[in-house]
Protein backbone atom coordinates (compact mmCIF):
# COMPACT_ATOMS: atom_id res chain seq x y z
CA MET A 1 -22.00 -44.51 -59.27
CA ILE A 2 -18.73 -45.33 -57.35
CA SER A 3 -18.57 -44.24 -54.01
CA ARG A 4 -15.17 -42.70 -52.90
CA GLN A 5 -16.20 -42.15 -49.25
CA ASN A 6 -13.65 -44.71 -48.11
CA GLU A 7 -10.97 -43.50 -49.57
CA PRO A 8 -8.16 -41.73 -47.91
CA ALA A 9 -7.46 -38.30 -49.26
CA GLU A 10 -4.71 -37.80 -51.61
CA LYS A 11 -1.47 -36.26 -49.94
CA MET A 12 0.85 -33.88 -51.77
CA LEU A 13 4.07 -32.75 -51.12
CA GLN A 14 3.94 -29.82 -49.01
CA PRO A 15 6.67 -27.37 -47.38
CA VAL A 16 7.96 -28.03 -43.78
CA PHE A 17 10.41 -25.61 -42.04
CA ILE A 18 12.73 -27.59 -39.99
CA LEU A 19 13.97 -25.10 -37.04
CA ARG A 20 16.83 -26.26 -34.40
CA GLY A 21 15.49 -29.86 -35.31
CA ILE A 22 11.73 -29.38 -34.98
CA PRO A 23 9.50 -29.44 -37.67
CA TYR A 24 6.74 -26.98 -38.46
CA TYR A 25 3.77 -27.55 -40.09
CA PRO A 26 1.70 -25.55 -42.49
CA HIS A 27 -1.81 -24.83 -40.85
CA TYR A 28 -4.54 -25.87 -42.46
CA SER A 29 -6.29 -22.94 -42.82
CA GLU A 30 -4.43 -19.76 -41.10
CA ARG A 31 -2.22 -18.43 -44.01
CA HIS A 32 1.61 -18.46 -43.46
CA ARG A 33 1.27 -19.65 -40.05
CA TRP A 34 3.11 -22.86 -39.17
CA VAL A 35 2.32 -24.94 -36.01
CA GLY A 36 5.04 -27.14 -34.00
CA PRO A 37 4.76 -29.95 -32.01
CA GLY A 38 2.53 -30.32 -28.93
CA ARG A 39 -1.10 -29.33 -27.44
CA LYS A 40 -3.00 -26.39 -29.03
CA THR A 41 -1.98 -24.61 -26.03
CA GLU A 42 1.54 -25.41 -25.88
CA CYS A 43 2.42 -25.73 -29.26
CA LYS A 44 4.51 -22.61 -30.65
CA ILE A 45 3.31 -21.08 -33.65
CA TYR A 46 5.52 -18.97 -36.19
CA THR A 47 4.95 -16.97 -39.54
CA THR A 48 6.71 -17.50 -42.70
CA ALA A 49 8.67 -14.56 -42.22
CA ALA A 50 9.65 -15.32 -38.84
CA LEU A 51 10.75 -18.76 -39.71
CA ALA A 52 13.01 -17.47 -42.62
CA GLU A 53 14.46 -14.92 -40.29
CA PHE A 54 15.76 -17.40 -38.11
CA GLY A 55 17.22 -19.38 -40.66
CA ALA A 56 14.55 -22.75 -40.51
CA GLU A 57 15.66 -24.94 -43.16
CA LEU A 58 12.46 -25.84 -45.80
CA VAL A 59 11.99 -29.09 -46.52
CA THR A 60 9.04 -31.12 -47.84
CA GLU A 61 6.38 -34.23 -46.84
CA LEU A 62 3.66 -35.60 -48.18
CA MET A 63 0.43 -34.36 -46.48
CA TRP A 64 -2.90 -33.27 -47.11
CA PRO A 65 -2.68 -30.04 -49.45
CA ARG A 66 -3.02 -26.65 -47.95
CA SER A 67 -4.73 -23.89 -50.20
CA TRP A 68 -1.97 -21.25 -49.33
CA THR A 69 1.39 -23.11 -49.30
CA GLU A 70 1.77 -22.24 -52.97
CA GLU A 71 2.76 -18.83 -51.71
CA VAL A 72 5.34 -19.94 -50.33
CA ARG A 73 8.62 -19.00 -52.42
CA GLY A 74 10.89 -21.54 -53.58
CA TRP A 75 9.46 -24.50 -52.19
CA ARG A 76 8.37 -26.41 -55.27
CA ALA A 77 11.88 -25.92 -56.77
CA MET A 78 13.15 -28.52 -54.02
């Protein structure tokens, strides 16, 4: 048996919103929550709907896959 314990986790393209130059990454487990930079008590968290309403740009980055990001329309076409 081959151990994969020390191999890095696979990364996949995932959607990221950019609002006024600040990236908002998909929360790892909370659906449709996007987390900005900063400490847990200081960072801003937005919903998918709010970022779309504010006109945030949707881009992609390589990161660990989230289970819910397939629900965000349009990012796979990028």
